[in-house]
Amino acid sequence: MASSKVSAAARRGKRVLTIKAIENVKPREKRFELADAGLPGFYLSVMPSGHRSFVFRFRFHGQPRKLTLGAHPQMTLALARQLAREAIGEIARGNDPCAAKAALRRSEGVPDVPRKFDELVTKFLAMRPASKRRPTPRDSTWESYSRMLNNDALPAWKGRDIKSISAVDIEARLEAVALDRPILANRLAAVLSKLFAWAAKKRYVTASPYAGIEKPAAEVARDRVLSRPELKLVLNAADRLDRTGKHLIHLLILTAQRRSEIAHMRWTEVNLAERTLTLAADRTKNRKEHRLPLGDSALAILRDREKDQTGHPCVFPRGQHAFHSFARLKTKLDALIAEENGGEPIKQWQFHDLRRTATTFMEELGISLRVTEMILNHAGSLNRTAAAYHRHKFEDEKREALRKWETMVIAIRSNNVIDFPQRNLA
């Protein structure tokens, strides 16, 4: 029978599971389960990766048992409940639902380990260790893995026996992707390497077929810097976006920070009274806390966003998480830029180029390399030994540098020329 202890716990302060509740539940650093108050023993299991599945817990001959019913959204909530009720009926008849499921799998020849590529991908995406998750509003790295595997690998190998996939197959797939998306092909190569190494570790395959494969495309470090007219086009086009898009683009330019650091900003990191943004260590690339002064324009944007504050922890909320629709935002912005520029878009630029553009103009303003590195939160020109002794935080220098950069941005928008004294802010 279903565990009476579990059902009692489920009824104490628990709610009946609904589709909306399932879709809105947030993953945690460790796997957890939500009990359904309406059906004893029926749970929703949530993995750190976000993978959700329905399970039924019960006792059989005094021993705790767990029956996995199916993954959401492939299995509906209604069907999962029906299967749980059928399991309760089996228990009442003296049968173990888990044993019955295992017998059915054996009779159908369904293996306990993944044999098809799509089965391997599903298991890989659901089994990421919690210790490797960064506590960000969304696990963007793992989402990119899922997107690449589902969009660029599964169409070629869905239903394929994983033991039949060879290095030749992988190279052919990467070359096909590299024809029009060379950088994506490199990223896909890295994900496939992780996937097959994991499969070999789990002994789903005897050895990874990826061994010895090189990146399909050469990568060259970008050095794209927007010109003054191009930067003005971006600023003017951003004004025509919705409030979130406009504020995001302007803050990316004014602060010179990475796009995820701004888009995933938390209100706990913002101090309007002290005019500072302090990025937590778990959100920076070098895993070090980063304190950044805020100029008048950046501060005004954040105060404007504060008016929309509805209790969400993120400055730029998008549903239950932080803003993440960068590709969609870039498409809208590029279309508006083309309208502003007589049908001509800005060629070959990315959001990250705004960061490089800001620091390039700061150097033009006479701001020292060391100060710009501190603004960027780079390790910079100091070696490890020197960095251990140089503890000066450059707070005043960073604030003055960003003030001068903000003044220059305003001048670019109005076509004015600003001459600053060429004092080295070191």
Protein backbone atom coordinates (compact mmCIF):
# COMPACT_ATOMS: atom_id res chain seq x y z
CA MET A 1 0.00 0.00 0.00
CA ALA A 2 1.07 3.63 -0.36
CA SER A 3 3.10 4.90 2.57
CA SER A 4 0.78 6.41 5.20
CA LYS A 5 3.70 8.46 6.51
CA VAL A 6 4.23 10.02 3.11
CA SER A 7 0.55 10.74 2.54
CA ALA A 8 0.25 12.42 5.93
CA ALA A 9 3.28 14.57 5.16
CA ALA A 10 1.78 15.41 1.81
CA ARG A 11 -1.39 16.69 3.42
CA ARG A 12 0.40 18.93 5.93
CA GLY A 13 0.71 22.29 4.22
CA LYS A 14 1.01 20.75 0.76
CA ARG A 15 -1.08 21.58 -2.27
CA VAL A 16 -2.50 19.49 -5.02
CA LEU A 17 -0.07 19.49 -7.95
CA THR A 18 -1.23 21.54 -10.92
CA ILE A 19 0.23 22.05 -14.38
CA LYS A 20 1.00 25.69 -13.55
CA ALA A 21 2.79 24.73 -10.34
CA ILE A 22 4.88 22.15 -12.19
CA GLU A 23 5.90 24.62 -14.89
CA ASN A 24 6.78 27.33 -12.34
CA VAL A 25 8.78 25.24 -9.90
CA LYS A 26 12.43 26.33 -9.73
CA PRO A 27 15.33 23.85 -9.69
CA ARG A 28 17.64 23.83 -6.68
CA GLU A 29 21.25 22.82 -6.19
CA LYS A 30 20.10 19.34 -5.14
CA ARG A 31 17.30 17.10 -6.38
CA PHE A 32 14.04 17.52 -4.48
CA GLU A 33 10.46 16.27 -4.63
CA LEU A 34 7.07 17.97 -4.33
CA ALA A 35 4.33 15.86 -2.77
CA ASP A 36 0.79 15.90 -4.15
CA ALA A 37 -1.73 16.44 -1.35
CA GLY A 38 -4.46 14.85 -3.46
CA LEU A 39 -2.82 11.45 -3.99
CA PRO A 40 -0.70 9.81 -1.27
CA GLY A 41 2.73 8.73 -2.51
CA PHE A 42 2.54 10.77 -5.74
CA TYR A 43 5.44 13.21 -6.24
CA LEU A 44 7.06 15.50 -8.77
CA SER A 45 10.84 14.98 -8.80
CA VAL A 46 12.90 18.02 -9.86
CA MET A 47 16.57 17.65 -10.87
CA PRO A 48 19.19 20.46 -10.61
CA SER A 49 19.22 20.58 -14.43
CA GLY A 50 15.49 21.42 -14.42
CA HIS A 51 14.44 17.93 -15.58
CA ARG A 52 11.05 17.01 -14.06
CA SER A 53 9.54 13.55 -13.66
CA PHE A 54 6.60 11.95 -11.85
CA VAL A 55 7.31 9.28 -9.24
CA PHE A 56 5.24 7.12 -6.90
CA ARG A 57 6.62 6.13 -3.49
CA PHE A 58 5.20 3.23 -1.52
CA ARG A 59 6.12 0.36 0.82
CA PHE A 60 6.04 -3.27 -0.23
CA HIS A 61 6.51 -5.93 2.44
CA GLY A 62 7.80 -3.18 4.71
CA GLN A 63 10.46 -1.97 2.27
CA PRO A 64 10.39 1.53 0.72
CA ARG A 65 10.02 1.47 -3.07
CA LYS A 66 10.05 4.11 -5.78
CA LEU A 67 8.30 3.80 -9.13
CA THR A 68 9.29 6.30 -11.82
CA LEU A 69 6.20 7.01 -13.89
CA GLY A 70 7.57 9.30 -16.63
CA ALA A 71 9.13 12.64 -17.49
CA HIS A 72 7.29 15.93 -17.78
CA PRO A 73 6.15 17.33 -20.23
CA GLN A 74 6.31 14.11 -22.30
CA MET A 75 3.95 12.56 -19.75
CA THR A 76 0.93 14.60 -18.75
CA LEU A 77 -0.05 15.18 -15.14
CA ALA A 78 -3.37 13.38 -15.69
CA LEU A 79 -1.70 10.29 -17.12
CA ALA A 80 0.87 10.21 -14.30
CA ARG A 81 -1.92 10.32 -11.71
CA GLN A 82 -3.74 7.52 -13.51
CA LEU A 83 -0.60 5.35 -13.46
CA ALA A 84 -0.09 6.10 -9.76
CA ARG A 85 -3.67 4.99 -9.02
CA GLU A 86 -3.11 1.83 -11.05
CA ALA A 87 0.01 1.18 -8.95
CA ILE A 88 -2.08 1.54 -5.79
CA GLY A 89 -4.44 -1.09 -7.22
CA GLU A 90 -1.51 -3.44 -7.90
CA ILE A 91 -0.31 -3.05 -4.31
CA ALA A 92 -3.81 -3.83 -3.01
CA ARG A 93 -3.74 -7.05 -5.05
CA GLY A 94 -0.43 -7.99 -3.46
CA ASN A 95 1.77 -7.12 -6.45
CA ASP A 96 4.90 -4.95 -6.60
CA PRO A 97 4.44 -2.28 -9.32
CA CYS A 98 8.23 -1.89 -9.68
CA ALA A 99 8.66 -5.60 -10.36
CA ALA A 100 5.84 -5.50 -12.88
CA LYS A 101 7.48 -2.58 -14.69
CA ALA A 102 10.84 -4.35 -14.79
CA ALA A 103 9.22 -7.49 -16.20
CA LEU A 104 7.48 -5.41 -18.88
CA ARG A 105 10.76 -3.74 -19.85
CA ARG A 106 12.45 -7.13 -20.16
CA SER A 107 9.60 -8.50 -22.24
CA GLU A 108 9.79 -5.51 -24.58
CA GLY A 109 13.56 -5.69 -24.76
CA VAL A 110 13.96 -2.19 -23.28
CA PRO A 111 17.44 -1.90 -21.72
CA ASP A 112 18.15 -0.39 -18.31
CA VAL A 113 20.89 1.75 -19.91
CA PRO A 114 20.51 4.07 -22.90
CA ARG A 115 21.32 2.48 -26.23
CA LYS A 116 19.93 5.03 -28.67
CA PHE A 117 21.49 8.46 -29.08
CA ASP A 118 18.30 10.29 -28.10
CA GLU A 119 18.09 8.17 -24.92
CA LEU A 120 21.70 9.07 -24.12
CA VAL A 121 21.06 12.79 -24.61
CA THR A 122 17.98 12.69 -22.37
CA LYS A 123 19.88 10.91 -19.61
CA PHE A 124 22.90 13.21 -19.96
CA LEU A 125 20.83 16.39 -19.69
CA ALA A 126 18.96 15.03 -16.66
CA MET A 127 21.99 13.82 -14.72
CA ARG A 128 24.24 16.86 -14.44
CA PRO A 129 25.88 16.93 -10.97
CA ALA A 130 24.44 19.61 -8.70
CA SER A 131 27.95 20.62 -7.57
CA LYS A 132 28.67 21.99 -11.05
CA ARG A 133 25.65 24.25 -11.23
CA ARG A 134 26.30 27.93 -10.76
CA PRO A 135 23.64 29.59 -8.60
CA THR A 136 22.45 31.95 -11.34
CA PRO A 137 18.78 32.67 -12.17
CA ARG A 138 19.14 30.32 -15.16
CA ASP A 139 21.82 27.76 -15.85
CA SER A 140 22.74 29.24 -19.24
CA THR A 141 25.65 26.84 -19.88
CA TRP A 142 23.50 23.76 -19.44
CA GLU A 143 20.74 25.32 -21.52
CA SER A 144 23.21 25.86 -24.36
CA TYR A 145 24.22 22.19 -24.14
CA SER A 146 20.57 21.19 -24.43
CA ARG A 147 19.97 23.55 -27.34
CA MET A 148 22.98 22.34 -29.35
CA LEU A 149 22.33 18.65 -28.75
CA ASN A 150 18.64 18.92 -29.60
CA ASN A 151 19.04 21.22 -32.59
CA ASP A 152 22.32 20.14 -34.15
CA ALA A 153 23.01 16.54 -33.11
CA LEU A 154 19.68 14.77 -32.57
CA PRO A 155 18.35 15.43 -36.10
CA ALA A 156 21.32 13.47 -37.47
CA TRP A 157 21.44 10.59 -34.97
CA LYS A 158 17.99 10.20 -33.43
CA GLY A 159 17.26 6.50 -32.98
CA ARG A 160 20.87 5.59 -33.77
CA ASP A 161 22.63 2.99 -31.60
CA ILE A 162 25.27 4.95 -29.66
CA LYS A 163 27.83 2.17 -30.13
CA SER A 164 27.55 2.60 -33.89
CA ILE A 165 28.50 6.29 -33.81
CA SER A 166 32.16 6.59 -34.77
CA ALA A 167 34.74 9.36 -34.99
CA VAL A 168 34.04 9.52 -38.73
CA ASP A 169 30.34 10.18 -38.02
CA ILE A 170 31.18 12.91 -35.53
CA GLU A 171 33.66 14.61 -37.87
CA ALA A 172 31.13 14.52 -40.71
CA ARG A 173 28.46 16.09 -38.51
CA LEU A 174 30.78 18.83 -37.27
CA GLU A 175 31.93 19.62 -40.80
CA ALA A 176 28.29 19.94 -41.93
CA VAL A 177 27.54 22.42 -39.14
CA ALA A 178 30.80 24.30 -39.79
CA LEU A 179 29.84 25.07 -43.40
CA ASP A 180 27.71 28.04 -42.32
CA ARG A 181 28.23 28.14 -38.52
CA PRO A 182 31.90 27.49 -37.81
CA ILE A 183 31.99 28.82 -34.25
CA LEU A 184 28.86 26.89 -33.32
CA ALA A 185 30.53 23.77 -34.73
CA ASN A 186 33.39 24.28 -32.27
CA ARG A 187 30.95 24.62 -29.39
CA LEU A 188 29.06 21.52 -30.52
CA ALA A 189 32.37 19.63 -30.66
CA ALA A 190 33.05 20.50 -27.03
CA VAL A 191 29.58 19.33 -25.96
CA LEU A 192 29.86 16.04 -27.88
CA SER A 193 33.24 15.47 -26.28
CA LYS A 194 31.67 15.88 -22.83
CA LEU A 195 28.69 13.71 -23.74
CA PHE A 196 30.70 10.73 -24.98
CA ALA A 197 33.30 11.02 -22.20
CA TRP A 198 30.42 10.85 -19.72
CA ALA A 199 28.92 7.87 -21.58
CA ALA A 200 32.27 6.05 -21.41
CA LYS A 201 32.60 6.82 -17.69
CA LYS A 202 29.12 5.37 -17.14
CA ARG A 203 30.14 2.38 -19.33
CA TYR A 204 27.31 2.98 -21.77
CA VAL A 205 30.04 2.75 -24.43
CA THR A 206 33.39 1.00 -24.13
CA ALA A 207 35.32 4.10 -25.18
CA SER A 208 34.52 7.62 -26.34
CA PRO A 209 34.45 7.83 -30.15
CA TYR A 210 35.42 11.50 -29.88
CA ALA A 211 39.08 10.85 -29.02
CA GLY A 212 41.52 12.55 -31.38
CA ILE A 213 39.02 14.81 -33.13
CA GLU A 214 40.16 18.41 -33.63
CA LYS A 215 38.04 21.55 -33.65
CA PRO A 216 36.35 21.91 -37.06
CA ALA A 217 37.07 25.64 -37.38
CA ALA A 218 39.86 28.03 -36.48
CA GLU A 219 38.89 30.81 -34.10
CA VAL A 220 40.39 34.27 -34.12
CA ALA A 221 40.02 36.61 -31.18
CA ARG A 222 37.53 39.35 -32.01
CA ASP A 223 38.73 42.94 -32.10
CA ARG A 224 35.54 44.63 -33.35
CA VAL A 225 35.11 48.16 -31.99
CA LEU A 226 32.11 50.24 -32.95
CA SER A 227 32.76 53.67 -34.42
CA ARG A 228 31.10 56.79 -33.06
CA PRO A 229 28.37 56.77 -35.75
CA GLU A 230 27.74 53.06 -35.12
CA LEU A 231 27.49 53.56 -31.37
CA LYS A 232 25.06 56.42 -31.91
CA LEU A 233 22.92 54.14 -34.11
CA VAL A 234 22.82 51.51 -31.35
CA LEU A 235 21.82 54.09 -28.74
CA ASN A 236 19.10 55.64 -30.91
CA ALA A 237 17.71 52.24 -31.94
CA ALA A 238 17.67 51.08 -28.30
CA ASP A 239 15.43 54.04 -27.45
CA ARG A 240 12.74 52.45 -29.65
CA LEU A 241 12.82 49.10 -27.86
CA ASP A 242 10.57 48.24 -24.94
CA ARG A 243 11.68 49.44 -21.51
CA THR A 244 13.59 46.28 -20.69
CA GLY A 245 15.47 46.21 -23.99
CA LYS A 246 16.25 49.93 -23.87
CA HIS A 247 17.53 49.80 -20.28
CA LEU A 248 19.61 46.68 -20.94
CA ILE A 249 21.41 48.11 -23.97
CA HIS A 250 22.09 51.45 -22.31
CA LEU A 251 23.49 49.79 -19.17
CA LEU A 252 25.70 47.46 -21.23
CA ILE A 253 27.21 50.54 -22.87
CA LEU A 254 27.48 52.70 -19.75
CA THR A 255 28.96 50.04 -17.45
CA ALA A 256 31.07 48.01 -19.96
CA GLN A 257 30.07 44.79 -18.16
CA ARG A 258 29.28 41.38 -19.64
CA ARG A 259 25.75 40.92 -20.92
CA SER A 260 24.83 38.17 -18.42
CA GLU A 261 26.21 40.23 -15.52
CA ILE A 262 23.80 43.05 -16.37
CA ALA A 263 20.82 40.98 -17.54
CA HIS A 264 20.96 38.73 -14.46
CA MET A 265 21.52 41.58 -12.02
CA ARG A 266 19.88 41.15 -8.61
CA TRP A 267 18.47 43.95 -6.50
CA THR A 268 20.63 42.73 -3.61
CA GLU A 269 23.66 43.71 -5.71
CA VAL A 270 22.46 47.28 -6.25
CA ASN A 271 22.98 50.05 -3.70
CA LEU A 272 21.27 53.18 -4.99
CA ALA A 273 22.27 55.23 -1.96
CA GLU A 274 25.97 54.45 -2.42
CA ARG A 275 25.65 54.49 -6.24
CA THR A 276 27.29 51.08 -6.65
CA LEU A 277 26.71 47.74 -8.32
CA THR A 278 28.45 44.85 -6.54
CA LEU A 279 28.42 41.66 -8.61
CA ALA A 280 28.52 38.58 -6.39
CA ALA A 281 31.50 36.24 -6.87
CA ASP A 282 29.29 33.43 -8.14
CA ARG A 283 28.23 35.62 -11.08
CA THR A 284 31.61 36.80 -12.35
CA LYS A 285 33.88 35.00 -14.76
CA ASN A 286 36.89 35.07 -12.44
CA ARG A 287 34.76 34.15 -9.38
CA LYS A 288 35.70 37.37 -7.58
CA GLU A 289 33.30 39.98 -6.23
CA HIS A 290 33.25 43.03 -8.46
CA ARG A 291 32.27 46.48 -7.16
CA LEU A 292 31.42 49.04 -9.82
CA PRO A 293 30.53 52.74 -9.34
CA LEU A 294 27.38 53.96 -11.08
CA GLY A 295 27.28 57.18 -13.06
CA ASP A 296 24.28 59.50 -13.19
CA SER A 297 22.71 57.90 -16.28
CA ALA A 298 23.19 54.32 -15.05
CA LEU A 299 21.78 55.30 -11.67
CA ALA A 300 18.76 56.94 -13.32
CA ILE A 301 18.02 53.74 -15.26
CA LEU A 302 18.09 51.62 -12.12
CA ARG A 303 15.89 54.08 -10.23
CA ASP A 304 13.45 53.95 -13.14
CA ARG A 305 13.42 50.15 -12.96
CA GLU A 306 12.90 50.31 -9.21
CA LYS A 307 9.48 51.82 -9.92
CA ASP A 308 8.51 48.53 -11.61
CA GLN A 309 9.74 46.44 -8.66
CA THR A 310 7.16 43.76 -7.85
CA GLY A 311 9.11 41.66 -5.37
CA HIS A 312 11.11 39.82 -8.03
CA PRO A 313 14.78 39.39 -7.01
CA CYS A 314 16.07 40.28 -10.49
CA VAL A 315 16.38 43.78 -11.93
CA PHE A 316 15.40 42.45 -15.37
CA PRO A 317 12.84 39.69 -14.64
CA ARG A 318 11.49 37.41 -17.33
CA GLY A 319 8.86 35.12 -15.84
CA GLN A 320 10.35 33.19 -12.93
CA HIS A 321 13.91 33.89 -14.02
CA ALA A 322 16.09 36.75 -15.26
CA PHE A 323 16.12 38.08 -18.81
CA HIS A 324 17.80 35.67 -21.24
CA SER A 325 16.33 36.35 -24.70
CA PHE A 326 19.50 37.91 -26.12
CA ALA A 327 19.09 36.51 -29.63
CA ARG A 328 15.56 37.91 -29.93
CA LEU A 329 16.69 41.26 -28.54
CA LYS A 330 19.59 41.42 -31.01
CA THR A 331 17.26 40.68 -33.94
CA LYS A 332 14.88 43.48 -32.92
CA LEU A 333 17.74 45.91 -32.32
CA ASP A 334 19.37 45.16 -35.68
CA ALA A 335 16.07 45.79 -37.49
CA LEU A 336 15.69 49.17 -35.77
CA ILE A 337 19.32 50.07 -36.51
CA ALA A 338 18.71 49.40 -40.20
CA GLU A 339 15.63 51.65 -40.11
CA GLU A 340 17.69 54.39 -38.46
CA ASN A 341 20.42 54.00 -41.07
CA GLY A 342 18.45 54.01 -44.31
CA GLY A 343 18.17 50.25 -44.53
CA GLU A 344 21.84 49.57 -43.80
CA PRO A 345 22.59 47.41 -40.73
CA ILE A 346 25.74 47.53 -38.64
CA LYS A 347 27.82 44.65 -39.98
CA GLN A 348 29.40 41.88 -37.93
CA TRP A 349 28.84 43.15 -34.43
CA GLN A 350 27.86 41.44 -31.17
CA PHE A 351 26.76 42.62 -27.74
CA HIS A 352 30.21 41.83 -26.37
CA ASP A 353 31.67 44.40 -28.80
CA LEU A 354 29.98 47.12 -26.72
CA ARG A 355 32.29 46.21 -23.85
CA ARG A 356 35.37 46.40 -26.06
CA THR A 357 34.12 49.66 -27.58
CA ALA A 358 33.70 51.28 -24.18
CA THR A 359 37.21 50.39 -23.01
CA THR A 360 38.74 51.52 -26.32
CA PHE A 361 37.14 54.94 -25.97
CA MET A 362 38.23 55.11 -22.32
CA GLU A 363 41.83 54.66 -23.45
CA GLU A 364 41.26 57.48 -25.95
CA LEU A 365 40.15 59.61 -23.00
CA GLY A 366 43.50 59.04 -21.31
CA ILE A 367 42.29 56.46 -18.79
CA SER A 368 45.04 54.03 -17.83
CA LEU A 369 45.02 50.36 -18.76
CA ARG A 370 45.05 49.38 -15.09
CA VAL A 371 41.84 51.32 -14.39
CA THR A 372 40.02 49.94 -17.43
CA GLU A 373 41.05 46.43 -16.36
CA MET A 374 39.58 47.09 -12.92
CA ILE A 375 36.33 48.25 -14.54
CA LEU A 376 36.26 45.10 -16.69
CA ASN A 377 37.12 42.91 -13.67
CA HIS A 378 40.12 41.49 -15.53
CA ALA A 379 43.20 40.04 -13.85
CA GLY A 380 45.00 42.35 -16.24
CA SER A 381 48.62 43.37 -16.52
CA LEU A 382 49.64 42.38 -12.99
CA ASN A 383 51.07 38.92 -12.61
CA ARG A 384 49.86 36.67 -9.78
CA THR A 385 52.60 37.71 -7.37
CA ALA A 386 52.13 41.43 -7.98
CA ALA A 387 48.34 41.10 -7.73
CA ALA A 388 48.71 39.58 -4.27
CA TYR A 389 50.33 42.81 -3.04
CA HIS A 390 48.30 45.38 -5.01
CA ARG A 391 45.11 45.66 -2.95
CA HIS A 392 44.11 49.19 -3.98
CA LYS A 393 40.56 48.99 -5.33
CA PHE A 394 40.74 52.11 -7.54
CA GLU A 395 37.23 53.18 -6.44
CA ASP A 396 37.76 56.90 -7.13
CA GLU A 397 39.61 56.23 -10.39
CA LYS A 398 36.87 53.88 -11.64
CA ARG A 399 34.16 56.38 -10.77
CA GLU A 400 35.97 59.21 -12.58
CA ALA A 401 36.68 56.99 -15.59
CA LEU A 402 33.04 55.93 -15.91
CA ARG A 403 31.92 59.55 -15.44
CA LYS A 404 34.11 60.60 -18.36
CA TRP A 405 32.88 57.69 -20.47
CA GLU A 406 29.25 58.57 -19.72
CA THR A 407 29.93 62.18 -20.74
CA MET A 408 31.43 60.91 -23.98
CA VAL A 409 28.38 58.72 -24.67
CA ILE A 410 26.11 61.73 -24.22
CA ALA A 411 28.33 63.74 -26.55
CA ILE A 412 28.25 61.00 -29.21
CA ARG A 413 24.45 60.98 -29.10
CA SER A 414 24.31 64.75 -29.60
CA ASN A 415 27.18 64.92 -32.14
CA ASN A 416 29.20 67.12 -29.80
CA VAL A 417 32.95 66.95 -29.42
CA ILE A 418 34.23 66.85 -25.84
CA ASP A 419 37.86 67.56 -25.07
CA PHE A 420 39.11 66.17 -21.76
CA PRO A 421 42.44 66.98 -20.20
CA GLN A 422 44.73 64.08 -21.06
CA ARG A 423 45.38 63.20 -17.44
CA ASN A 424 46.30 59.57 -16.85
CA LEU A 425 43.80 58.16 -14.34
CA ALA A 426 46.20 55.65 -12.82
